[in-house]
Protein backbone atom coordinates (compact mmCIF):
# COMPACT_ATOMS: atom_id res chain seq x y z
CA MET A 1 61.30 -99.85 6.76
CA SER A 2 62.05 -100.03 10.09
CA MET A 3 63.01 -97.25 12.02
CA ARG A 4 67.05 -97.93 12.49
CA ASP A 5 66.72 -99.00 8.16
CA HIS A 6 65.03 -94.87 8.37
CA TYR A 7 67.47 -93.43 10.68
CA ARG A 8 69.65 -94.28 8.71
CA THR A 9 68.82 -93.93 5.83
CA ARG A 10 68.80 -89.66 6.62
CA ALA A 11 71.94 -90.24 7.91
CA ALA A 12 73.96 -91.41 4.28
CA GLU A 13 71.39 -87.86 3.22
CA PHE A 14 73.19 -85.66 5.19
CA HIS A 15 76.55 -87.38 5.16
CA ALA A 16 75.66 -87.01 1.21
CA ARG A 17 74.72 -83.37 1.36
CA ALA A 18 77.73 -82.13 3.64
CA ARG A 19 80.22 -83.35 1.32
CA MET A 20 78.64 -81.29 -1.75
CA GLU A 21 78.72 -77.40 0.30
CA SER A 22 80.81 -75.54 -0.17
CA ASP A 23 79.94 -73.49 3.32
CA GLU A 24 82.26 -74.89 5.73
CA TRP A 25 79.25 -73.94 8.87
CA ASN A 26 76.37 -75.76 6.57
CA ARG A 27 78.83 -79.02 6.11
CA ARG A 28 79.25 -78.84 9.84
CA GLN A 29 75.55 -78.85 10.56
CA PHE A 30 74.94 -81.33 7.88
CA GLU A 31 77.97 -83.65 9.26
CA SER A 32 76.15 -83.22 13.13
CA LEU A 33 72.65 -84.09 11.84
CA ALA A 34 74.10 -87.75 10.22
CA GLU A 35 75.74 -88.39 13.15
CA GLN A 36 73.53 -87.44 15.33
CA TYR A 37 70.77 -90.11 13.30
CA LEU A 38 73.20 -92.80 13.31
CA ARG A 39 73.00 -92.23 16.65
CA LEU A 40 69.23 -92.58 16.92
CA ALA A 41 69.24 -95.46 14.49
CA GLU A 42 72.24 -97.18 16.92
CA GLN A 43 69.10 -96.74 19.30
CA ALA A 44 66.60 -98.12 17.85
CA ASP A 45 68.84 -101.16 17.00
CA ARG A 46 69.33 -101.83 20.89
CA ASP A 47 65.25 -100.54 22.01
CA THR A 48 64.26 -103.21 19.26
CA ALA A 49 66.48 -105.93 21.11
CA ASP A 50 64.77 -105.56 24.11
CA TRP A 51 61.63 -106.26 23.78
CA ILE A 52 60.59 -109.27 24.56
CA TYR A 53 56.78 -110.20 24.80
CA GLU A 54 55.71 -112.53 27.52
CA SER A 55 52.36 -112.80 27.97
CA PRO A 56 50.99 -112.56 31.96
CA PRO A 57 50.60 -114.92 34.16
CA ARG A 58 47.27 -116.56 34.01
CA GLN A 59 44.87 -116.17 36.49
CA SER A 60 43.17 -118.55 38.56
CA LYS A 61 39.35 -119.23 38.03
CA ALA A 62 38.95 -119.04 41.73
CA ARG A 63 41.16 -116.17 42.22
CA MET A 64 38.93 -114.79 39.69
CA LYS A 65 35.49 -114.38 42.65
């Protein structure tokens, strides 16, 4: 499971807990956590999209001496 998927799953769990919560303060806290995890998932999407692996340039044997 990717970190993005992990964060989205946690967001869904907190959102579900918020829906079941009768206390308003607790409900808002769970909703806030859900939103924060969604932001983490979006950041994970951006981070992995920016990963491009490039091999380092090869050095000639003359430069290695």
